[in-house]
Protein backbone atom coordinates (compact mmCIF):
# COMPACT_ATOMS: atom_id res chain seq x y z
CA MET A 1 -23.71 -177.49 -27.53
CA ASN A 2 -24.76 -176.24 -30.88
CA GLN A 3 -27.63 -177.50 -32.42
CA PRO A 4 -27.60 -179.47 -35.83
CA GLY A 5 -29.19 -176.98 -37.66
CA GLN A 6 -26.33 -173.86 -36.10
CA PHE A 7 -23.96 -176.30 -37.01
CA SER A 8 -24.91 -176.58 -40.74
CA ARG A 9 -25.73 -172.72 -40.84
CA ASN A 10 -22.11 -172.05 -39.51
CA ALA A 11 -20.60 -174.36 -42.17
CA ARG A 12 -22.08 -172.35 -44.73
CA THR A 13 -21.66 -168.85 -43.61
CA LEU A 14 -17.61 -169.86 -42.98
CA LEU A 15 -17.96 -171.32 -46.87
CA ALA A 16 -19.66 -167.96 -47.89
CA ARG A 17 -17.00 -165.88 -46.46
CA LEU A 18 -14.40 -168.22 -48.52
CA GLN A 19 -15.99 -167.94 -52.08
CA ASN A 20 -16.02 -164.40 -50.63
CA LEU A 21 -12.43 -164.08 -50.45
CA ARG A 22 -11.58 -165.87 -53.58
CA SER A 23 -14.23 -164.77 -55.75
CA HIS A 24 -13.65 -161.53 -57.89
CA ASN A 25 -16.19 -162.34 -60.76
CA ALA A 26 -18.41 -160.17 -59.85
CA PRO A 27 -21.12 -159.19 -63.33
CA ASP A 28 -20.42 -156.24 -64.45
CA ALA A 29 -24.28 -155.19 -64.03
CA PRO A 30 -27.27 -157.32 -63.55
CA ALA A 31 -28.57 -159.75 -65.66
CA LEU A 32 -32.34 -158.58 -65.09
CA SER A 33 -33.72 -154.96 -64.35
CA LEU A 34 -35.83 -154.72 -61.54
CA ARG A 35 -37.67 -152.10 -60.31
CA ASP A 36 -39.20 -151.33 -57.08
CA PRO A 37 -42.88 -151.28 -57.08
CA TRP A 38 -43.93 -148.66 -54.61
CA PRO A 39 -43.66 -145.13 -54.64
CA GLY A 40 -41.53 -142.41 -52.90
CA ASP A 41 -42.01 -139.59 -51.43
CA PRO A 42 -40.00 -136.08 -53.06
CA GLY A 43 -40.60 -134.53 -49.69
CA ARG A 44 -38.38 -137.12 -47.78
CA GLY A 45 -35.82 -137.36 -50.96
CA ALA A 46 -35.29 -133.60 -50.84
CA ARG A 47 -34.45 -133.66 -46.77
CA LEU A 48 -32.27 -136.88 -47.47
CA VAL A 49 -30.14 -134.47 -50.19
CA LYS A 50 -30.21 -132.19 -47.12
CA ALA A 51 -28.42 -135.40 -45.32
CA GLU A 52 -31.69 -135.64 -43.21
CA LEU A 53 -33.89 -139.34 -43.23
CA GLU A 54 -37.21 -138.64 -42.00
CA PHE A 55 -39.20 -141.68 -41.12
CA ALA A 56 -42.49 -143.19 -39.43
CA GLY A 57 -42.28 -139.39 -37.48
CA ALA A 58 -38.88 -139.43 -36.76
CA VAL A 59 -35.54 -137.07 -38.25
CA LEU A 60 -32.14 -139.00 -37.82
CA PRO A 61 -29.21 -136.50 -39.19
CA MET A 62 -26.87 -138.47 -41.15
CA PRO A 63 -23.35 -136.88 -41.08
CA ALA A 64 -20.15 -138.84 -42.05
CA GLY A 65 -20.11 -142.07 -40.25
CA VAL A 66 -23.68 -142.38 -40.19
CA PHE A 67 -23.53 -146.34 -40.94
CA GLN A 68 -20.92 -146.84 -38.11
CA PRO A 69 -23.01 -148.10 -34.63
CA ILE A 70 -24.54 -145.00 -33.44
CA GLY A 71 -27.14 -143.82 -30.56
CA ALA A 72 -30.34 -143.96 -32.71
CA THR A 73 -33.31 -146.76 -32.40
CA ALA A 74 -32.84 -150.28 -33.87
CA VAL A 75 -36.25 -149.09 -35.70
CA LEU A 76 -34.35 -146.03 -37.65
CA ARG A 77 -31.34 -148.18 -37.97
CA ALA A 78 -32.65 -150.92 -40.03
CA HIS A 79 -34.67 -148.48 -41.92
CA LEU A 80 -31.18 -146.38 -42.67
CA HIS A 81 -29.33 -149.91 -43.41
CA GLY A 82 -31.82 -150.89 -45.61
CA PHE A 83 -31.76 -148.38 -48.19
CA THR A 84 -35.69 -148.50 -49.31
CA TRP A 85 -35.69 -144.83 -49.05
CA LEU A 86 -34.01 -144.68 -51.90
CA ARG A 87 -37.22 -144.99 -53.45
CA ASP A 88 -37.27 -141.18 -51.92
CA LEU A 89 -34.61 -140.05 -54.21
CA ARG A 90 -36.35 -141.59 -56.92
CA ALA A 91 -39.30 -139.81 -56.84
CA LEU A 92 -37.27 -136.34 -55.96
CA GLY A 93 -35.60 -137.41 -59.47
CA THR A 94 -32.91 -134.80 -59.94
CA ASP A 95 -29.16 -134.75 -60.32
CA ALA A 96 -28.81 -134.08 -56.49
CA ALA A 97 -30.79 -136.86 -55.72
CA ARG A 98 -28.97 -139.33 -57.99
CA THR A 99 -25.92 -138.31 -56.70
CA ARG A 100 -26.86 -138.31 -53.04
CA ALA A 101 -27.99 -141.80 -53.52
CA ARG A 102 -24.66 -142.88 -55.23
CA THR A 103 -22.78 -141.41 -52.31
CA LEU A 104 -24.92 -142.81 -49.61
CA VAL A 105 -24.36 -146.29 -50.87
CA SER A 106 -20.21 -145.59 -51.47
CA ALA A 107 -20.34 -144.82 -47.65
CA PHE A 108 -22.04 -147.84 -46.68
CA MET A 109 -19.78 -150.09 -48.76
CA ASP A 110 -16.63 -147.72 -47.36
CA THR A 111 -17.51 -147.98 -44.15
CA GLU A 112 -14.81 -150.49 -42.35
CA THR A 113 -16.87 -151.28 -38.92
CA LEU A 114 -20.65 -151.02 -40.15
CA ASP A 115 -23.41 -151.21 -37.41
CA PRO A 116 -24.13 -155.02 -36.86
CA LEU A 117 -27.61 -154.05 -37.37
CA GLY A 118 -26.80 -153.43 -40.60
CA LEU A 119 -26.25 -157.47 -41.76
CA THR A 120 -28.78 -158.94 -40.32
CA PRO A 121 -30.76 -161.43 -42.74
CA ASP A 122 -33.93 -159.15 -43.08
CA VAL A 123 -31.92 -155.24 -43.49
CA THR A 124 -29.48 -157.68 -45.78
CA GLY A 125 -32.35 -158.35 -47.91
CA ALA A 126 -34.15 -154.84 -47.86
CA ARG A 127 -30.94 -153.58 -49.16
CA LEU A 128 -30.27 -155.96 -51.48
CA ALA A 129 -34.02 -155.57 -53.11
CA ALA A 130 -33.43 -151.69 -52.85
CA TRP A 131 -29.98 -151.72 -54.59
CA LEU A 132 -31.30 -153.92 -57.66
CA GLY A 133 -34.22 -152.04 -57.39
CA HIS A 134 -32.99 -148.62 -57.72
CA TYR A 135 -29.87 -149.89 -59.98
CA ASP A 136 -31.14 -147.83 -63.10
CA PHE A 137 -31.43 -144.81 -61.25
CA PHE A 138 -28.03 -144.48 -59.27
CA ALA A 139 -25.55 -146.80 -60.36
CA ALA A 140 -26.37 -147.68 -64.45
CA SER A 141 -24.61 -144.26 -65.37
CA ALA A 142 -22.06 -144.35 -62.80
CA ASP A 143 -18.71 -144.93 -63.31
CA ASP A 144 -17.06 -147.92 -63.69
CA ASP A 145 -15.10 -148.38 -60.38
CA PHE A 146 -18.66 -147.69 -58.35
CA ARG A 147 -20.24 -150.29 -60.33
CA GLN A 148 -18.03 -153.28 -59.70
CA ARG A 149 -17.76 -152.32 -56.48
CA LEU A 150 -21.77 -152.36 -56.46
CA MET A 151 -22.06 -155.88 -57.97
CA SER A 152 -19.13 -157.32 -56.09
CA ARG A 153 -21.03 -156.08 -52.98
CA LEU A 154 -24.09 -157.36 -54.04
CA VAL A 155 -22.56 -161.35 -54.64
CA MET A 156 -21.18 -160.78 -51.28
CA ASP A 157 -23.95 -160.19 -49.25
CA ALA A 158 -26.39 -162.18 -51.58
CA ARG A 159 -23.59 -165.50 -50.68
CA SER A 160 -23.69 -164.60 -46.86
CA LEU A 161 -27.86 -164.32 -46.81
CA SER A 162 -28.26 -167.78 -48.60
CA ALA A 163 -25.93 -168.89 -45.94
CA ILE A 164 -27.66 -168.62 -42.78
CA LEU A 165 -30.95 -169.72 -44.20
CA PRO A 166 -33.62 -170.71 -42.43
CA VAL A 167 -33.34 -167.06 -40.29
CA GLU A 168 -33.75 -167.15 -36.81
CA VAL A 169 -35.83 -164.78 -36.46
CA ARG A 170 -39.32 -165.62 -36.53
CA ASP A 171 -41.54 -163.21 -37.90
CA GLY A 172 -42.47 -160.82 -40.78
CA ARG A 173 -38.33 -160.19 -41.23
CA ALA A 174 -37.62 -163.54 -42.62
CA LEU A 175 -40.09 -162.45 -45.50
CA THR A 176 -38.02 -159.64 -46.38
CA ALA A 177 -34.81 -161.93 -46.08
CA LEU A 178 -35.97 -164.54 -48.84
CA LYS A 179 -37.56 -161.15 -50.80
CA GLY A 180 -33.60 -159.86 -50.96
CA LEU A 181 -32.47 -163.43 -52.00
CA ALA A 182 -34.97 -163.99 -54.19
CA ALA A 183 -33.99 -160.01 -55.65
CA ALA A 184 -30.16 -161.54 -56.16
CA SER A 185 -30.75 -164.80 -57.24
CA VAL A 186 -33.08 -163.51 -60.16
CA ALA A 187 -30.72 -160.17 -61.34
CA MET A 188 -27.58 -162.28 -60.94
CA PRO A 189 -28.02 -165.75 -61.93
CA GLU A 190 -24.78 -166.96 -62.83
CA HIS A 191 -23.63 -165.52 -59.45
CA VAL A 192 -25.92 -166.08 -56.72
CA GLY A 193 -27.96 -169.33 -57.78
CA ASN A 194 -29.81 -169.45 -54.81
CA LEU A 195 -33.66 -169.69 -56.03
CA PRO A 196 -34.02 -173.21 -54.88
CA ARG A 197 -33.08 -172.15 -51.82
CA VAL A 198 -35.69 -169.42 -51.52
CA LEU A 199 -38.56 -171.77 -52.68
CA LYS A 200 -37.30 -174.63 -50.34
CA PHE A 201 -37.76 -172.17 -47.58
CA LEU A 202 -40.88 -170.31 -48.66
CA PRO A 203 -43.36 -172.66 -47.92
CA PRO A 204 -43.14 -173.78 -44.76
CA GLU A 205 -42.52 -169.61 -43.60
CA LEU A 206 -45.85 -168.43 -45.17
CA GLU A 207 -47.11 -172.16 -43.03
CA ARG A 208 -45.72 -170.56 -39.84
CA GLN A 209 -46.34 -166.74 -40.68
CA PHE A 210 -50.33 -166.72 -41.43
CA PHE A 211 -53.43 -167.50 -39.67
CA PRO A 212 -56.00 -169.36 -41.52
CA ASP A 213 -58.29 -166.01 -41.77
CA GLY A 214 -55.18 -165.05 -44.00
CA CYS A 215 -53.85 -162.43 -40.89
CA HIS A 216 -50.30 -162.03 -40.54
CA ILE A 217 -48.91 -163.80 -36.94
CA GLU A 218 -47.84 -160.47 -35.45
CA ARG A 219 -51.36 -159.12 -35.34
CA SER A 220 -50.36 -155.59 -36.18
CA PRO A 221 -51.77 -153.96 -39.46
CA ALA A 222 -48.86 -152.37 -40.24
CA ALA A 223 -46.57 -155.41 -40.23
CA HIS A 224 -49.37 -157.47 -42.19
CA LEU A 225 -49.04 -154.33 -44.71
CA ALA A 226 -45.52 -155.27 -45.41
CA ALA A 227 -45.49 -158.99 -45.36
CA VAL A 228 -48.14 -158.44 -48.13
CA GLN A 229 -46.00 -156.13 -50.08
CA ASP A 230 -43.22 -158.72 -49.49
CA LEU A 231 -45.54 -161.43 -50.68
CA THR A 232 -45.98 -159.80 -53.74
CA GLU A 233 -42.46 -158.49 -54.56
CA ILE A 234 -41.16 -161.86 -54.43
CA ARG A 235 -44.37 -163.89 -56.56
CA ALA A 236 -42.88 -160.75 -59.32
CA LEU A 237 -39.35 -162.15 -59.15
CA LEU A 238 -40.50 -165.22 -59.34
CA GLN A 239 -42.88 -164.83 -62.41
CA ALA A 240 -39.71 -162.32 -63.99
CA HIS A 241 -37.34 -165.16 -63.62
CA GLY A 242 -40.06 -167.08 -65.55
CA ALA A 243 -40.25 -169.47 -62.65
CA GLU A 244 -44.04 -170.83 -61.54
CA PRO A 245 -44.56 -169.31 -58.19
CA PRO A 246 -45.34 -172.32 -56.09
CA VAL A 247 -49.46 -172.49 -55.01
CA GLU A 248 -48.72 -172.24 -51.40
CA LEU A 249 -47.25 -168.13 -52.59
CA LEU A 250 -50.53 -167.54 -54.20
CA SER A 251 -52.77 -169.20 -51.28
CA ALA A 252 -50.65 -166.63 -49.13
CA ILE A 253 -51.29 -163.46 -51.41
CA GLU A 254 -54.94 -164.28 -51.78
CA LYS A 255 -56.00 -164.60 -48.06
CA ALA A 256 -53.46 -161.77 -46.73
CA ALA A 257 -55.12 -159.60 -49.55
CA ALA A 258 -58.53 -160.09 -47.94
CA ALA A 259 -56.97 -160.14 -44.60
CA LEU A 260 -55.55 -156.63 -45.87
CA ARG A 261 -59.05 -155.10 -46.76
CA ALA A 262 -60.80 -155.96 -43.54
CA LEU A 263 -58.47 -154.20 -41.40
CA ARG A 264 -59.34 -151.04 -43.34
CA HIS A 265 -61.41 -148.23 -42.41
CA GLY A 266 -63.68 -146.64 -44.47
CA ASP A 267 -61.14 -143.56 -45.13
CA GLY A 268 -59.02 -146.64 -46.50
CA GLY A 269 -56.29 -146.60 -43.66
CA LEU A 270 -55.66 -148.97 -41.18
CA ALA A 271 -56.95 -149.85 -38.10
CA LEU A 272 -55.05 -149.07 -35.54
CA PHE A 273 -53.90 -152.10 -33.44
CA ASN A 274 -50.63 -153.59 -32.26
CA GLY A 275 -48.10 -150.50 -33.87
CA ALA A 276 -49.95 -149.29 -36.69
CA LYS A 277 -50.94 -146.19 -38.47
CA GLU A 278 -53.49 -145.23 -40.77
CA GLU A 279 -50.95 -145.43 -43.60
CA LEU A 280 -51.64 -143.67 -47.10
CA PRO A 281 -54.90 -145.24 -48.70
CA SER A 282 -53.16 -144.76 -51.93
CA LEU A 283 -50.53 -147.33 -51.03
CA ILE A 284 -52.47 -149.55 -49.74
CA ASP A 285 -54.98 -149.39 -52.73
CA LEU A 286 -51.64 -150.25 -54.75
CA VAL A 287 -50.52 -153.30 -52.42
CA LEU A 288 -53.88 -154.61 -53.37
CA ALA A 289 -54.17 -153.98 -57.33
CA GLN A 290 -50.37 -155.60 -56.93
CA ALA A 291 -52.05 -158.60 -55.18
CA GLY A 292 -54.33 -159.09 -57.67
CA ARG A 293 -56.35 -161.92 -56.77
CA ALA A 294 -60.07 -162.13 -55.21
CA ARG A 295 -60.54 -158.22 -55.67
CA GLY A 296 -63.77 -158.46 -53.96
CA LEU A 297 -63.40 -161.10 -50.98
CA VAL A 298 -62.84 -159.61 -46.93
CA SER A 299 -61.73 -162.05 -44.19
CA PRO A 300 -63.75 -162.41 -41.77
CA LEU A 301 -61.19 -162.56 -39.17
CA LYS A 302 -61.41 -164.91 -36.49
CA SER A 303 -58.56 -167.18 -36.04
CA SER A 304 -56.23 -163.94 -35.58
CA GLY A 305 -58.65 -162.53 -32.98
CA LEU A 306 -59.35 -159.02 -34.93
CA TYR A 307 -62.86 -159.11 -34.92
CA ARG A 308 -65.03 -156.99 -37.35
CA MET A 309 -68.75 -156.15 -37.58
CA ILE A 310 -70.42 -153.99 -40.06
CA ALA A 311 -73.78 -152.77 -40.83
CA ALA A 312 -74.84 -150.05 -43.32
CA LYS A 313 -71.86 -147.89 -42.47
CA THR A 314 -70.88 -148.50 -39.29
CA LEU A 315 -67.69 -150.40 -39.06
CA VAL A 316 -66.62 -152.05 -35.75
CA LEU A 317 -62.98 -153.53 -35.28
CA MET A 318 -61.90 -155.25 -32.01
CA ASP A 319 -58.64 -156.93 -30.67
CA ALA A 320 -60.62 -160.06 -29.02
CA GLY A 321 -57.34 -162.69 -29.10
CA LEU A 322 -54.54 -163.73 -27.20
CA PRO A 323 -51.40 -161.06 -28.10
CA ALA A 324 -48.15 -162.35 -30.55
CA PRO A 325 -46.37 -164.89 -28.74
CA ALA A 326 -42.66 -164.50 -27.31
CA GLY A 327 -40.76 -163.78 -30.79
CA LEU A 328 -43.65 -162.52 -32.74
CA ASP A 329 -44.33 -159.38 -29.95
CA ARG A 330 -41.94 -156.97 -31.20
CA PHE A 331 -45.10 -154.65 -32.15
CA ALA A 332 -47.46 -155.95 -29.65
CA HIS A 333 -49.38 -153.90 -27.55
CA ALA A 334 -51.09 -154.14 -24.20
CA GLY A 335 -54.81 -153.23 -25.72
CA THR A 336 -56.40 -156.61 -25.67
CA LEU A 337 -60.34 -155.88 -26.07
CA GLY A 338 -59.74 -152.57 -27.30
CA PHE A 339 -61.61 -151.74 -30.28
CA GLU A 340 -62.00 -148.97 -32.95
CA PHE A 341 -65.49 -147.77 -34.46
CA SER A 342 -65.99 -145.33 -37.86
CA TRP A 343 -69.35 -144.17 -39.67
CA GLY A 344 -68.33 -144.42 -43.55
CA LYS A 345 -65.04 -142.44 -44.15
CA GLU A 346 -65.01 -140.83 -41.08
CA ARG A 347 -63.06 -142.19 -37.76
CA LEU A 348 -64.51 -141.64 -33.96
CA ILE A 349 -63.48 -144.06 -31.64
CA THR A 350 -59.79 -145.27 -31.82
CA ASN A 351 -56.71 -146.52 -30.68
CA CYS A 352 -53.90 -143.59 -30.03
CA GLY A 353 -51.34 -145.42 -32.72
CA ALA A 354 -47.88 -145.95 -32.67
CA ALA A 355 -44.74 -144.71 -31.55
CA PRO A 356 -42.85 -142.67 -33.67
CA ALA A 357 -39.45 -144.68 -34.58
CA ASN A 358 -37.30 -142.41 -32.41
CA ALA A 359 -39.91 -143.76 -29.61
CA GLY A 360 -38.50 -141.27 -26.70
CA GLY A 361 -40.86 -141.37 -23.84
CA TRP A 362 -44.20 -141.85 -26.10
CA GLY A 363 -42.86 -145.66 -26.66
CA THR A 364 -44.02 -147.18 -23.39
CA ALA A 365 -47.31 -144.91 -23.23
CA LEU A 366 -48.58 -146.03 -26.74
CA ARG A 367 -48.61 -149.10 -26.40
CA SER A 368 -49.87 -149.13 -22.68
CA THR A 369 -53.45 -150.07 -22.42
CA ALA A 370 -54.34 -146.86 -21.25
CA ALA A 371 -53.75 -145.93 -24.80
CA HIS A 372 -56.49 -148.14 -26.01
CA SER A 373 -60.46 -147.88 -26.05
CA THR A 374 -60.70 -150.45 -23.53
CA LEU A 375 -60.76 -150.68 -19.68
CA THR A 376 -57.97 -150.53 -17.58
CA ILE A 377 -57.89 -152.00 -13.38
CA ALA A 378 -55.79 -149.89 -11.17
CA ASP A 379 -53.87 -147.57 -13.71
CA VAL A 380 -52.30 -151.64 -14.67
CA SER A 381 -51.86 -152.40 -18.36
CA SER A 382 -53.66 -155.88 -19.21
CA ALA A 383 -49.85 -156.66 -20.16
CA GLU A 384 -46.51 -155.98 -19.22
CA VAL A 385 -45.00 -153.88 -21.55
CA LEU A 386 -40.85 -154.21 -22.16
CA GLU A 387 -38.80 -152.69 -24.72
CA GLN A 388 -38.49 -156.07 -26.59
CA GLY A 389 -42.32 -157.36 -26.60
CA LEU A 390 -44.55 -157.86 -23.86
CA GLY A 391 -43.60 -159.75 -20.20
CA ARG A 392 -46.61 -160.76 -18.46
CA ARG A 393 -49.63 -160.87 -20.68
CA PRO A 394 -53.46 -162.47 -20.92
CA ALA A 395 -52.81 -166.37 -20.60
CA GLU A 396 -56.47 -166.96 -21.89
CA VAL A 397 -58.44 -164.73 -24.34
CA HIS A 398 -62.12 -166.44 -25.06
CA ALA A 399 -64.07 -164.64 -27.68
CA GLU A 400 -67.46 -165.20 -29.64
CA ARG A 401 -69.29 -163.42 -32.60
CA GLN A 402 -72.98 -163.90 -32.93
CA ASP A 403 -75.61 -162.91 -35.88
CA ILE A 404 -78.59 -162.59 -34.11
CA ALA A 405 -82.03 -160.82 -34.79
CA GLY A 406 -81.49 -156.82 -34.68
CA GLY A 407 -77.79 -157.05 -34.89
CA GLN A 408 -74.44 -158.65 -34.06
CA TRP A 409 -72.20 -159.14 -30.76
CA ILE A 410 -69.14 -160.05 -29.70
CA GLU A 411 -68.53 -161.36 -26.16
CA ALA A 412 -65.57 -161.65 -25.46
CA SER A 413 -62.86 -161.81 -21.85
CA HIS A 414 -59.78 -162.04 -20.88
CA ASN A 415 -57.60 -162.98 -17.73
CA GLY A 416 -54.44 -160.35 -17.70
CA TRP A 417 -54.93 -158.81 -14.37
CA ALA A 418 -55.67 -162.49 -12.80
CA LYS A 419 -52.19 -162.87 -10.88
CA LEU A 420 -51.91 -159.65 -10.00
CA PHE A 421 -55.72 -158.58 -8.41
CA GLY A 422 -57.71 -161.94 -9.26
CA ALA A 423 -59.64 -160.16 -11.96
CA ILE A 424 -60.97 -161.05 -14.88
CA HIS A 425 -62.70 -158.80 -17.59
CA HIS A 426 -65.47 -159.47 -19.50
CA ARG A 427 -66.60 -156.72 -22.62
CA ARG A 428 -69.71 -157.49 -24.81
CA ILE A 429 -70.24 -155.23 -27.49
CA GLY A 430 -73.05 -155.08 -29.92
CA LEU A 431 -73.95 -153.54 -33.19
CA ALA A 432 -77.64 -152.92 -34.52
CA ASP A 433 -78.21 -154.35 -37.88
CA ASN A 434 -78.92 -150.22 -39.07
CA GLY A 435 -75.37 -149.51 -37.69
CA GLU A 436 -77.32 -146.37 -35.85
CA GLU A 437 -76.05 -148.12 -32.33
CA LEU A 438 -73.56 -149.67 -30.73
CA LEU A 439 -73.98 -151.67 -27.54
CA GLY A 440 -71.18 -152.32 -24.88
CA GLU A 441 -70.94 -154.16 -21.41
CA ASP A 442 -67.66 -153.86 -19.09
CA LEU A 443 -67.53 -156.33 -16.08
CA ILE A 444 -64.80 -156.68 -13.78
CA GLU A 445 -65.16 -160.45 -12.45
CA ALA A 446 -62.75 -160.14 -9.41
CA GLU A 447 -63.27 -161.66 -5.36
CA GLN A 448 -62.54 -157.68 -4.06
CA PRO A 449 -63.93 -155.10 -6.15
CA GLN A 450 -61.54 -153.31 -8.20
CA PRO A 451 -60.89 -149.26 -9.14
CA PHE A 452 -60.97 -149.15 -13.19
CA THR A 453 -61.22 -146.82 -16.31
CA ILE A 454 -62.92 -147.28 -19.53
CA ARG A 455 -61.59 -145.10 -22.05
CA PHE A 456 -63.23 -144.46 -25.75
CA HIS A 457 -60.22 -142.33 -27.11
CA LEU A 458 -61.69 -140.06 -30.18
CA HIS A 459 -60.18 -139.03 -33.30
CA PRO A 460 -58.35 -135.84 -33.63
CA ASN A 461 -61.34 -134.68 -35.62
CA VAL A 462 -64.38 -135.26 -33.53
CA THR A 463 -65.68 -133.10 -30.75
CA ALA A 464 -66.81 -133.81 -27.79
CA MET A 465 -69.61 -131.57 -25.56
CA ILE A 466 -70.48 -133.11 -22.19
CA GLN A 467 -74.21 -133.11 -22.04
CA GLN A 468 -76.98 -131.17 -19.47
CA ASP A 469 -77.63 -134.66 -17.57
CA ASN A 470 -73.98 -134.95 -17.50
CA GLU A 471 -74.64 -138.93 -18.26
CA ALA A 472 -74.01 -138.33 -22.18
CA VAL A 473 -71.40 -137.12 -23.87
CA LEU A 474 -72.40 -135.44 -28.29
CA LEU A 475 -69.72 -136.44 -30.20
CA ARG A 476 -70.01 -134.51 -33.68
CA THR A 477 -67.83 -135.24 -36.95
CA PRO A 478 -66.07 -132.89 -39.68
CA GLY A 479 -68.92 -134.18 -41.80
CA GLY A 480 -71.85 -132.80 -39.00
CA LEU A 481 -72.37 -136.37 -37.80
CA GLY A 482 -73.42 -136.09 -34.81
CA PHE A 483 -73.57 -139.67 -32.18
CA ARG A 484 -74.25 -139.37 -28.33
CA LEU A 485 -72.08 -141.99 -25.74
CA ARG A 486 -74.60 -142.55 -22.42
CA ALA A 487 -73.09 -144.77 -19.78
CA GLU A 488 -74.78 -146.59 -16.82
CA GLY A 489 -72.26 -147.45 -13.69
CA ALA A 490 -69.69 -144.91 -14.02
CA PRO A 491 -69.71 -141.38 -14.27
CA ILE A 492 -68.45 -139.85 -17.30
CA SER A 493 -66.13 -137.22 -18.24
CA VAL A 494 -64.19 -135.83 -21.19
CA GLU A 495 -59.92 -135.14 -20.84
CA GLU A 496 -57.42 -134.73 -23.84
CA SER A 497 -55.70 -137.32 -25.30
CA VAL A 498 -53.21 -137.66 -27.95
CA TYR A 499 -53.56 -139.38 -31.86
CA PHE A 500 -50.52 -140.82 -33.25
CA GLY A 501 -52.35 -142.65 -36.08
CA GLN A 502 -51.12 -140.22 -38.70
CA ALA A 503 -47.40 -138.51 -39.43
CA GLU A 504 -47.04 -135.85 -37.03
CA PRO A 505 -48.79 -136.33 -33.80
CA ARG A 506 -51.96 -134.47 -32.80
CA ARG A 507 -53.91 -133.39 -30.02
CA ALA A 508 -57.68 -135.32 -29.22
CA GLU A 509 -60.28 -136.12 -26.26
CA GLN A 510 -61.11 -139.24 -25.18
CA VAL A 511 -64.22 -140.23 -22.96
CA VAL A 512 -63.26 -140.93 -19.92
CA LEU A 513 -65.40 -143.91 -17.66
CA THR A 514 -64.16 -143.97 -14.08
CA GLY A 515 -65.13 -146.20 -11.77
CA HIS A 516 -64.11 -146.97 -7.75
CA GLN A 517 -63.18 -150.14 -5.78
CA ASP A 518 -66.12 -149.14 -3.63
CA GLY A 519 -68.72 -149.01 -6.77
CA PRO A 520 -70.00 -150.94 -9.04
CA GLN A 521 -68.19 -153.05 -11.65
CA HIS A 522 -70.87 -153.53 -14.05
CA VAL A 523 -70.42 -150.58 -16.90
CA LYS A 524 -73.50 -150.26 -19.51
CA TRP A 525 -72.43 -148.27 -22.57
CA SER A 526 -74.17 -146.95 -25.52
CA ILE A 527 -73.12 -144.39 -29.10
CA THR A 528 -76.00 -143.34 -30.54
CA LYS A 529 -76.45 -141.87 -34.01
CA VAL A 530 -78.32 -138.93 -33.79
């Protein structure tokens, strides 16, 4: 039986289709000129001219018919149909880039059997904002036929998007859908008068999408960055229209900006939790500048379970919260109690990062517990990694942060292996006030002792050398800093690792502590500046 909300949505969708069939009075051009606020990459623009779409470490060929259903990951297909890559052609800025933009927009409009993913609310919203935000680049000087087809399609898609609000997806994609409808309503107010619907659904969406500490509900720095971008664009659109942004939006931007600052390392890039890459510090700086409010505020990151300790030049970030619930876990990794450690602008201990957009065999591997700087029992991840989100996962994660004389501590535990092994993982990490020593303990609480591995993935710029006593590893950074990692209760070794935190994957190393089933279940370790 259809729920009342679904019945109402179906009725609105049918009405929108009837309006689109009957109405042919699209405007000749946008009533208000919009401008996409984010920078493009001319290198990616040059590849687009050559019919190659580069995104998140993957390259998608763009032959004729590319907007039909094709064999590519959902991430790549959503990016293709969202047209945010128009900013790369704009950054290139050549006549060939402008012609290529028109050709691809025309190809989309001419495709009779579009990939269904290209018609989802979030992708439609991204496309509306992109077409309107780059209209002056690729459409303003085009012929009348192209511009009329474009404006008609914009009106049609905006009506369809409005009809299905509120969208069914519960993650950050709902914000992108609202942004797209806001852009269409502001740019074509006489034909898409749906700004009241945006203002109706935005406040409850903001309340649902963000923790009280300002962090996005998906607990991914990458998703958080995208959400802040969407929020600042929505605010700018309302201001351009002369509408007062709701107080809920202003408050959400302020808190989310503070959380974004807290999720950065000293090099300006993002922490690598739950599908995030470092990203360009210049982009993050621009997003924060656009956010504007409370420029120096940094969130303590407590309610989201992403904890932060800082002392002198040292920063420690730790994932000590429940994974995002089903329906919000598209980026979720099995990295509970994983941490990252940096000194100034140099990262030392990291997680392995995010899989490329074409995934391949890396998708599952990089989301596994073994790809994070934490403990793994019997080579089994603390959560079951599925193609869409997580299956079995920790049902309970307890964490407490304490500031005591001489340092700061995070004590945490989770039961991700309770059903499989009857085991609880306890982790305690303490940072000295001078920032020069990080102390850690890992304990497995179980009736039967378990084999385990504790990993410290190193940034690819860091080198590791086992010292003569075989009880410590000397870590060196490019800047000449030295840190000694010692362990008690498990033998120490250095093994190969991989780093997907930047545009291209890089070889790296990891320090590994290996515990056996008949050995101690309690390991102490330290990282000390030398």
